[in-house]
Amino acid sequence: MKSALQDCVLELLPGQVLRLSAAAGATISCDGGILWVTQEGRARDDFLSAGESLGVTSTGVTLVEAMGDASAQLTLRACQSPRGAIRMFQARAAF
């Protein structure tokens, strides 16, 4: 029997940072608020508003922060390899 992959839905408080390691291929979707995303090795940062998504390309560290005075909601989707294996990544929230 196949098990369904569930998305990881999170809420970040104002100023709270989510640290992702080795998350290349994952998708970050902003469900509410504003997110600042910076990826190791990329020259520019990204800002996501509700309804926008971003594919993680960095094999290093990716940081996601709730911007402004409001919390932000996001969904993380792990990537799936062509052979059907789910590639997992580590996520850690901190203040």
C-alpha atoms as a PDB file:
ATOM      1  CA  MET A   1       0.000   0.000   0.000  1.00  0.00           C
ATOM      2  CA  LYS A   2       1.310   3.442  -0.887  1.00  0.00           C
ATOM      3  CA  SER A   3       1.356   6.106   1.790  1.00  0.00           C
ATOM      4  CA  ALA A   4       0.367   9.659   0.895  1.00  0.00           C
ATOM      5  CA  LEU A   5       2.885  12.462   1.345  1.00  0.00           C
ATOM      6  CA  GLN A   6       1.455  15.147   3.559  1.00  0.00           C
ATOM      7  CA  ASP A   7       2.535  18.733   3.249  1.00  0.00           C
ATOM      8  CA  CYS A   8       4.066  20.413   6.280  1.00  0.00           C
ATOM      9  CA  VAL A   9       1.981  23.465   7.233  1.00  0.00           C
ATOM     10  CA  LEU A  10       3.644  25.949   9.596  1.00  0.00           C
ATOM     11  CA  GLU A  11       3.001  29.328  11.159  1.00  0.00           C
ATOM     12  CA  LEU A  12       5.958  31.609  11.816  1.00  0.00           C
ATOM     13  CA  LEU A  13       5.610  34.348  14.405  1.00  0.00           C
ATOM     14  CA  PRO A  14       6.920  37.842  13.595  1.00  0.00           C
ATOM     15  CA  GLY A  15      10.694  37.660  13.334  1.00  0.00           C
ATOM     16  CA  GLN A  16      10.769  33.870  13.700  1.00  0.00           C
ATOM     17  CA  VAL A  17      13.191  32.097  11.348  1.00  0.00           C
ATOM     18  CA  LEU A  18      12.831  28.636   9.833  1.00  0.00           C
ATOM     19  CA  ARG A  19      16.126  26.982   8.867  1.00  0.00           C
ATOM     20  CA  LEU A  20      16.071  24.326   6.145  1.00  0.00           C
ATOM     21  CA  SER A  21      19.088  22.151   5.386  1.00  0.00           C
ATOM     22  CA  ALA A  22      19.549  20.294   2.079  1.00  0.00           C
ATOM     23  CA  ALA A  23      16.061  21.243   0.881  1.00  0.00           C
ATOM     24  CA  ALA A  24      16.808  21.511  -2.861  1.00  0.00           C
ATOM     25  CA  GLY A  25      13.723  20.504  -4.819  1.00  0.00           C
ATOM     26  CA  ALA A  26      11.277  21.379  -2.040  1.00  0.00           C
ATOM     27  CA  THR A  27       8.600  24.028  -2.559  1.00  0.00           C
ATOM     28  CA  ILE A  28       7.751  26.844  -0.135  1.00  0.00           C
ATOM     29  CA  SER A  29       4.223  28.236  -0.529  1.00  0.00           C
ATOM     30  CA  CYS A  30       3.099  31.360   1.314  1.00  0.00           C
ATOM     31  CA  ASP A  31      -0.436  30.863   2.626  1.00  0.00           C
ATOM     32  CA  GLY A  32      -0.662  34.166   4.523  1.00  0.00           C
ATOM     33  CA  GLY A  33       1.502  37.103   5.504  1.00  0.00           C
ATOM     34  CA  ILE A  34       4.868  37.874   3.920  1.00  0.00           C
ATOM     35  CA  LEU A  35       7.888  35.577   3.867  1.00  0.00           C
ATOM     36  CA  TRP A  36      11.531  36.489   3.292  1.00  0.00           C
ATOM     37  CA  VAL A  37      13.514  33.591   1.814  1.00  0.00           C
ATOM     38  CA  THR A  38      17.278  33.480   1.394  1.00  0.00           C
ATOM     39  CA  GLN A  39      19.159  30.515  -0.052  1.00  0.00           C
ATOM     40  CA  GLU A  40      22.847  29.786   0.413  1.00  0.00           C
ATOM     41  CA  GLY A  41      24.751  30.406  -2.820  1.00  0.00           C
ATOM     42  CA  ARG A  42      22.123  32.651  -4.420  1.00  0.00           C
ATOM     43  CA  ALA A  43      22.895  36.308  -5.044  1.00  0.00           C
ATOM     44  CA  ARG A  44      19.345  37.525  -4.362  1.00  0.00           C
ATOM     45  CA  ASP A  45      16.657  36.990  -1.756  1.00  0.00           C
ATOM     46  CA  ASP A  46      12.970  36.364  -2.414  1.00  0.00           C
ATOM     47  CA  PHE A  47       9.840  37.784  -0.797  1.00  0.00           C
ATOM     48  CA  LEU A  48       6.613  35.796  -1.008  1.00  0.00           C
ATOM     49  CA  SER A  49       3.080  37.051  -0.430  1.00  0.00           C
ATOM     50  CA  ALA A  50      -0.036  34.941   0.060  1.00  0.00           C
ATOM     51  CA  GLY A  51      -0.605  32.688  -2.953  1.00  0.00           C
ATOM     52  CA  GLU A  52       3.015  32.741  -4.154  1.00  0.00           C
ATOM     53  CA  SER A  53       5.407  29.777  -4.197  1.00  0.00           C
ATOM     54  CA  LEU A  54       9.133  29.274  -4.589  1.00  0.00           C
ATOM     55  CA  GLY A  55      11.166  26.207  -5.478  1.00  0.00           C
ATOM     56  CA  VAL A  56      14.288  25.725  -3.354  1.00  0.00           C
ATOM     57  CA  THR A  57      17.380  25.350  -5.528  1.00  0.00           C
ATOM     58  CA  SER A  58      20.119  25.515  -2.894  1.00  0.00           C
ATOM     59  CA  THR A  59      21.675  22.331  -1.558  1.00  0.00           C
ATOM     60  CA  GLY A  60      22.919  24.372   1.411  1.00  0.00           C
ATOM     61  CA  VAL A  61      20.995  26.286   4.055  1.00  0.00           C
ATOM     62  CA  THR A  62      17.728  28.085   3.265  1.00  0.00           C
ATOM     63  CA  LEU A  63      16.267  30.574   5.766  1.00  0.00           C
ATOM     64  CA  VAL A  64      12.595  31.596   5.835  1.00  0.00           C
ATOM     65  CA  GLU A  65      11.400  34.478   8.036  1.00  0.00           C
ATOM     66  CA  ALA A  66       8.001  36.035   8.729  1.00  0.00           C
ATOM     67  CA  MET A  67       8.280  39.716   7.802  1.00  0.00           C
ATOM     68  CA  GLY A  68       6.659  42.690   9.505  1.00  0.00           C
ATOM     69  CA  ASP A  69       4.545  42.685  12.657  1.00  0.00           C
ATOM     70  CA  ALA A  70       2.267  39.797  11.653  1.00  0.00           C
ATOM     71  CA  SER A  71       2.706  36.055  11.614  1.00  0.00           C
ATOM     72  CA  ALA A  72       2.997  34.207   8.306  1.00  0.00           C
ATOM     73  CA  GLN A  73       1.672  30.823   7.261  1.00  0.00           C
ATOM     74  CA  LEU A  74       3.499  28.543   4.862  1.00  0.00           C
ATOM     75  CA  THR A  75       3.364  25.085   3.390  1.00  0.00           C
ATOM     76  CA  LEU A  76       6.514  23.022   2.723  1.00  0.00           C
ATOM     77  CA  ARG A  77       6.338  20.327   0.089  1.00  0.00           C
ATOM     78  CA  ALA A  78       9.198  17.824  -0.108  1.00  0.00           C
ATOM     79  CA  CYS A  79      10.403  16.868  -3.556  1.00  0.00           C
ATOM     80  CA  GLN A  80       9.824  13.448  -5.029  1.00  0.00           C
ATOM     81  CA  SER A  81      12.522  11.782  -7.108  1.00  0.00           C
ATOM     82  CA  PRO A  82      11.729  10.189 -10.483  1.00  0.00           C
ATOM     83  CA  ARG A  83      11.920   6.757  -8.833  1.00  0.00           C
ATOM     84  CA  GLY A  84       9.180   7.698  -6.391  1.00  0.00           C
ATOM     85  CA  ALA A  85      11.349   8.132  -3.304  1.00  0.00           C
ATOM     86  CA  ILE A  86      10.619  11.130  -1.137  1.00  0.00           C
ATOM     87  CA  ARG A  87      13.669  13.293  -0.418  1.00  0.00           C
ATOM     88  CA  MET A  88      13.458  14.557   3.127  1.00  0.00           C
ATOM     89  CA  PHE A  89      15.057  17.670   4.566  1.00  0.00           C
ATOM     90  CA  GLN A  90      15.629  19.059   8.022  1.00  0.00           C
ATOM     91  CA  ALA A  91      13.636  22.020   9.275  1.00  0.00           C
ATOM     92  CA  ARG A  92      14.200  23.924  12.530  1.00  0.00           C
ATOM     93  CA  ALA A  93      12.348  26.983  13.780  1.00  0.00           C
ATOM     94  CA  ALA A  94      14.088  29.459  16.052  1.00  0.00           C
ATOM     95  CA  PHE A  95      13.627  32.984  17.376  1.00  0.00           C
END
